Amino acid sequence: MPAPVYILLPRNEKLVSVKGPFDFFTARDLERLKKGGAFFYGPIYSRVEPFHAVARDVQKMLGWNTPNATNVLEPSPFEISDAVLRKLGTVWAPLSNLNGADRDGPVGVESYFAVAFANELCDPIPGDWLEHAREKDPDLYELSLLRSGVFVFLALHLGYIDLKLLSAYRIRFFHEAINVFGSGGADSLPLSFELEELKKWTETLIHSPEVHTLSSDLFDHSIGRVSQKLKARLRRVRKELADPEATLAHTYDDGGLGNHRPDDDGEVVNGG
């Protein structure tokens, strides 16, 4: 789920929290709750939806890379990668606008929204894996989701545009991080030298199951191949693509992940 979920109890018209962010409904949950009232996302959903919209646009762009996708001349991988970076640039925002628009200051994205983006973009992680991982270690489950999602988000910036492979890498990363079923399985999918380096970067950046800010200046002082490529691409995002007047989407305050419940503007998930 991209945001906390509440159920509206019809008898007393009270909202009760039933799912936290990045939790999910099992078949048992749905059976137990099917006689309840309407479900509502928490208010942070309004901040997540723009990332979902960008993910859907990127899906369409990556579809151009599918053999025989259309009957017209397909764009080159370079053109697709450039279009994807232009679209991704719209979700980065200045970390501070205290001095007005600043093209030279760092831009950032919170890891929470990068994961919401990846969840919308990629094939779903198998449900039995998610359930097993959550029961095994809830903190490690959340850490694995964060790392696998951020990995995909950053891989797109490096020019990886094969959606099938991105989905497979995400599942591999999740599988390896949580070690759901022991060795073997999804982690047999090989990673290139560059993606191995990105994987190590991701593990360093996302070191706990908390929300972290991915900032463009994190890559400024490293001489690694991946960090240099990300530095160059995020410099372009900062200079050309990001809106200097944009406000960074964040998970704190009353519209974030706190205990603030949906009000009249809450998003309905489904009818009860």
Protein backbone atom coordinates (compact mmCIF):
# COMPACT_ATOMS: atom_id res chain seq x y z
CA MET A 1 0.00 0.00 0.00
CA PRO A 2 1.42 3.43 -0.90
CA ALA A 3 0.04 5.06 2.26
CA PRO A 4 -1.53 4.12 5.62
CA VAL A 5 -5.05 2.72 5.26
CA TYR A 6 -8.01 3.38 7.53
CA ILE A 7 -11.43 1.77 7.63
CA LEU A 8 -14.57 3.75 8.29
CA LEU A 9 -16.76 1.84 10.72
CA PRO A 10 -20.36 2.39 9.56
CA ARG A 11 -22.04 2.11 12.95
CA ASN A 12 -20.13 4.80 14.81
CA GLU A 13 -18.52 6.51 11.80
CA LYS A 14 -15.03 6.23 13.29
CA LEU A 15 -11.81 5.75 11.34
CA VAL A 16 -9.61 2.89 12.52
CA SER A 17 -6.09 2.29 11.26
CA VAL A 18 -5.75 -1.14 9.61
CA LYS A 19 -2.55 -0.95 7.54
CA GLY A 20 0.67 1.01 7.74
CA PRO A 21 2.66 2.32 4.77
CA PHE A 22 4.04 -0.41 2.46
CA ASP A 23 1.92 -3.00 4.22
CA PHE A 24 -0.44 -5.18 2.23
CA PHE A 25 -3.74 -7.02 2.44
CA THR A 26 -3.73 -10.81 2.45
CA ALA A 27 -6.71 -12.87 1.36
CA ARG A 28 -7.43 -13.47 5.05
CA ASP A 29 -7.39 -9.72 5.73
CA LEU A 30 -9.85 -9.03 2.94
CA GLU A 31 -12.18 -11.79 4.10
CA ARG A 32 -12.10 -10.48 7.66
CA LEU A 33 -12.70 -6.87 6.65
CA LYS A 34 -15.14 -7.30 3.78
CA LYS A 35 -18.13 -6.43 5.95
CA GLY A 36 -16.52 -3.23 7.17
CA GLY A 37 -17.03 0.26 5.86
CA ALA A 38 -15.12 2.17 3.21
CA PHE A 39 -11.32 2.20 3.21
CA PHE A 40 -9.35 5.45 3.07
CA TYR A 41 -5.74 6.22 2.37
CA GLY A 42 -3.99 8.55 4.77
CA PRO A 43 -3.39 12.15 3.59
CA ILE A 44 0.17 11.39 2.45
CA TYR A 45 -1.36 9.68 -0.59
CA SER A 46 -1.70 13.09 -2.25
CA ARG A 47 2.09 13.36 -2.13
CA VAL A 48 2.59 9.81 -3.42
CA GLU A 49 0.29 10.08 -6.43
CA PRO A 50 2.59 12.37 -8.48
CA PHE A 51 5.31 9.71 -8.19
CA HIS A 52 2.83 7.05 -9.34
CA ALA A 53 1.91 9.24 -12.31
CA VAL A 54 5.57 9.61 -13.28
CA ALA A 55 6.07 5.84 -12.91
CA ARG A 56 3.18 5.19 -15.30
CA ASP A 57 4.67 7.63 -17.80
CA VAL A 58 8.06 5.93 -17.53
CA GLN A 59 6.38 2.56 -18.09
CA LYS A 60 5.06 3.84 -21.40
CA MET A 61 8.48 5.17 -22.36
CA LEU A 62 10.16 1.88 -21.56
CA GLY A 63 7.53 0.12 -23.67
CA TRP A 64 9.16 1.67 -26.71
CA ASN A 65 12.14 -0.58 -26.02
CA THR A 66 10.04 -3.74 -26.44
CA PRO A 67 10.69 -5.55 -29.77
CA ASN A 68 7.88 -4.99 -32.27
CA ALA A 69 6.07 -2.71 -29.84
CA THR A 70 4.87 -0.49 -32.67
CA ASN A 71 4.77 -0.35 -36.44
CA VAL A 72 6.80 2.84 -36.58
CA LEU A 73 10.51 3.50 -36.25
CA GLU A 74 11.41 3.06 -32.60
CA PRO A 75 13.58 5.56 -30.75
CA SER A 76 17.12 4.54 -29.86
CA PRO A 77 17.97 3.42 -26.30
CA PHE A 78 19.80 6.73 -25.84
CA GLU A 79 16.67 8.70 -26.74
CA ILE A 80 14.54 6.61 -24.38
CA SER A 81 17.06 7.01 -21.56
CA ASP A 82 17.12 10.78 -22.11
CA ALA A 83 13.32 10.98 -22.09
CA VAL A 84 13.21 8.92 -18.88
CA LEU A 85 15.76 11.19 -17.18
CA ARG A 86 13.73 14.25 -18.21
CA LYS A 87 10.65 12.71 -16.64
CA LEU A 88 12.51 11.64 -13.48
CA GLY A 89 13.88 15.16 -13.16
CA THR A 90 10.40 16.40 -12.34
CA VAL A 91 10.27 14.46 -9.03
CA TRP A 92 13.51 15.96 -7.67
CA ALA A 93 13.15 19.18 -5.70
CA PRO A 94 15.52 21.67 -4.05
CA LEU A 95 16.40 20.73 -0.49
CA SER A 96 16.07 24.35 0.54
CA ASN A 97 14.42 27.38 -0.99
CA LEU A 98 15.33 29.69 1.87
CA ASN A 99 17.23 31.97 -0.51
CA GLY A 100 14.81 31.63 -3.40
CA ALA A 101 15.28 29.57 -6.53
CA ASP A 102 18.81 28.16 -6.59
CA ARG A 103 20.05 26.10 -9.53
CA ASP A 104 23.33 25.43 -7.71
CA GLY A 105 21.91 23.94 -4.53
CA PRO A 106 21.36 20.20 -4.06
CA VAL A 107 18.11 18.52 -5.01
CA GLY A 108 16.60 15.55 -3.23
CA VAL A 109 13.96 12.84 -3.08
CA GLU A 110 12.87 11.02 0.05
CA SER A 111 13.43 7.26 -0.12
CA TYR A 112 9.77 6.65 0.72
CA PHE A 113 8.66 8.21 -2.56
CA ALA A 114 11.39 6.49 -4.58
CA VAL A 115 10.02 3.16 -3.31
CA ALA A 116 6.43 4.15 -4.07
CA PHE A 117 7.63 4.98 -7.60
CA ALA A 118 9.34 1.58 -7.99
CA ASN A 119 6.30 -0.27 -6.63
CA GLU A 120 4.15 1.34 -9.33
CA LEU A 121 6.72 0.85 -12.09
CA CYS A 122 7.84 -2.75 -11.57
CA ASP A 123 6.21 -6.16 -11.47
CA PRO A 124 4.94 -6.98 -7.97
CA ILE A 125 7.09 -8.96 -5.57
CA PRO A 126 5.46 -12.39 -5.00
CA GLY A 127 2.83 -12.20 -2.29
CA ASP A 128 4.08 -15.24 -0.38
CA TRP A 129 7.55 -13.66 -0.23
CA LEU A 130 6.12 -10.46 1.21
CA GLU A 131 4.06 -12.30 3.81
CA HIS A 132 6.93 -14.56 4.83
CA ALA A 133 9.38 -11.64 5.01
CA ARG A 134 7.06 -9.50 7.14
CA GLU A 135 6.45 -12.35 9.57
CA LYS A 136 10.16 -13.15 9.73
CA ASP A 137 11.39 -9.63 10.56
CA PRO A 138 9.21 -6.52 10.05
CA ASP A 139 12.17 -4.12 10.22
CA LEU A 140 14.22 -6.12 7.74
CA TYR A 141 11.14 -6.38 5.51
CA GLU A 142 10.82 -2.59 5.39
CA LEU A 143 14.57 -2.17 4.90
CA SER A 144 14.48 -4.63 1.99
CA LEU A 145 11.60 -2.77 0.33
CA LEU A 146 13.41 0.54 0.71
CA ARG A 147 16.69 -0.75 -0.67
CA SER A 148 15.19 -2.64 -3.61
CA GLY A 149 13.02 0.33 -4.57
CA VAL A 150 15.81 2.90 -4.33
CA PHE A 151 18.07 0.59 -6.35
CA VAL A 152 15.60 0.58 -9.25
CA PHE A 153 15.01 4.33 -8.98
CA LEU A 154 18.74 5.07 -9.24
CA ALA A 155 19.34 2.43 -11.93
CA LEU A 156 16.99 4.34 -14.23
CA HIS A 157 19.16 7.43 -13.78
CA LEU A 158 22.15 5.37 -14.92
CA GLY A 159 20.38 4.48 -18.16
CA TYR A 160 18.99 1.02 -17.43
CA ILE A 161 15.73 0.93 -19.38
CA ASP A 162 14.78 -2.75 -19.62
CA LEU A 163 11.66 -2.90 -17.44
CA LYS A 164 11.65 -6.69 -17.24
CA LEU A 165 15.22 -6.72 -15.98
CA LEU A 166 14.60 -3.84 -13.58
CA SER A 167 11.72 -5.80 -12.06
CA ALA A 168 13.92 -8.91 -11.82
CA TYR A 169 16.75 -6.93 -10.19
CA ARG A 170 14.30 -5.48 -7.67
CA ILE A 171 13.03 -8.93 -6.74
CA ARG A 172 16.63 -10.21 -6.55
CA PHE A 173 17.63 -7.36 -4.25
CA PHE A 174 14.60 -7.91 -2.02
CA HIS A 175 15.21 -11.67 -1.95
CA GLU A 176 18.87 -11.26 -1.05
CA ALA A 177 18.29 -8.58 1.58
CA ILE A 178 15.58 -10.51 3.40
CA ASN A 179 17.00 -13.96 2.55
CA VAL A 180 13.44 -15.22 2.30
CA PHE A 181 14.06 -18.78 1.26
CA GLY A 182 17.78 -19.24 1.86
CA SER A 183 20.36 -19.24 -0.92
CA GLY A 184 19.59 -19.68 -4.60
CA GLY A 185 16.46 -18.62 -6.46
CA ALA A 186 16.12 -15.02 -7.53
CA ASP A 187 19.60 -14.00 -6.39
CA SER A 188 21.08 -16.18 -9.15
CA LEU A 189 20.33 -13.33 -11.59
CA PRO A 190 23.79 -11.86 -12.26
CA LEU A 191 24.62 -8.20 -11.74
CA SER A 192 27.11 -6.29 -13.85
CA PHE A 193 30.10 -4.62 -12.22
CA GLU A 194 28.27 -1.28 -12.40
CA LEU A 195 25.10 -2.63 -10.82
CA GLU A 196 27.10 -4.32 -8.07
CA GLU A 197 28.60 -0.92 -7.30
CA LEU A 198 25.13 0.64 -7.32
CA LYS A 199 23.91 -2.09 -4.98
CA LYS A 200 26.68 -1.24 -2.50
CA TRP A 201 25.84 2.45 -2.80
CA THR A 202 22.19 1.71 -2.10
CA GLU A 203 23.01 -0.36 0.97
CA THR A 204 25.17 2.51 2.25
CA LEU A 205 22.55 5.16 1.58
CA ILE A 206 19.67 3.11 3.01
CA HIS A 207 21.26 1.80 6.18
CA SER A 208 18.11 1.48 8.31
CA PRO A 209 14.34 0.98 7.82
CA GLU A 210 13.78 4.71 8.21
CA VAL A 211 13.01 7.32 5.59
CA HIS A 212 16.20 8.92 4.25
CA THR A 213 16.69 11.79 1.85
CA LEU A 214 18.50 10.95 -1.38
CA SER A 215 20.45 14.12 -2.06
CA SER A 216 22.38 14.95 -5.22
CA ASP A 217 25.39 16.07 -3.18
CA LEU A 218 25.85 12.57 -1.71
CA PHE A 219 27.78 11.60 -4.84
CA ASP A 220 30.02 14.68 -5.06
CA HIS A 221 33.14 13.34 -3.34
CA SER A 222 33.42 9.79 -4.65
CA ILE A 223 35.53 8.71 -7.63
CA GLY A 224 33.63 5.48 -8.31
CA ARG A 225 32.14 4.92 -11.75
CA VAL A 226 28.55 4.81 -10.52
CA SER A 227 28.85 7.84 -8.27
CA GLN A 228 30.46 9.88 -11.06
CA LYS A 229 27.66 8.97 -13.48
CA LEU A 230 24.99 9.78 -10.92
CA LYS A 231 26.77 13.02 -10.08
CA ALA A 232 26.74 14.06 -13.74
CA ARG A 233 23.11 13.12 -14.32
CA LEU A 234 21.90 14.76 -11.13
CA ARG A 235 23.85 17.90 -12.02
CA ARG A 236 21.81 18.01 -15.21
CA VAL A 237 18.62 17.39 -13.21
CA ARG A 238 19.52 20.25 -10.90
CA LYS A 239 20.53 22.67 -13.67
CA GLU A 240 17.97 21.85 -16.37
CA LEU A 241 15.15 19.55 -15.30
CA ALA A 242 14.09 20.10 -11.70
CA ASP A 243 11.72 22.94 -10.92
CA PRO A 244 13.66 25.37 -8.68
CA GLU A 245 10.36 26.51 -7.16
CA ALA A 246 9.17 22.98 -6.28
CA THR A 247 8.63 21.88 -2.70
CA LEU A 248 10.29 18.66 -1.60
CA ALA A 249 7.72 15.92 -0.99
CA HIS A 250 8.21 14.74 2.58
CA THR A 251 6.76 12.27 5.05
CA TYR A 252 6.64 14.42 8.16
CA ASP A 253 4.10 16.93 9.53
CA ASP A 254 0.32 16.41 9.69
CA GLY A 255 0.10 15.38 6.06
CA GLY A 256 2.78 12.76 6.45
CA LEU A 257 3.14 9.41 8.17
CA GLY A 258 2.17 10.53 11.65
CA ASN A 259 -1.05 9.71 13.42
CA HIS A 260 -3.02 12.31 11.47
CA ARG A 261 -6.02 10.56 9.97
CA PRO A 262 -7.69 11.34 6.67
CA ASP A 263 -10.20 14.12 6.75
CA ASP A 264 -12.74 15.19 4.16
CA ASP A 265 -9.97 15.10 1.53
CA GLY A 266 -9.03 11.49 2.24
CA GLU A 267 -8.70 9.18 -0.75
CA VAL A 268 -11.13 6.25 -0.91
CA VAL A 269 -9.36 2.93 -1.58
CA ASN A 270 -12.42 0.77 -2.20
CA GLY A 271 -15.93 0.42 -0.95
CA GLY A 272 -16.49 -1.85 2.02
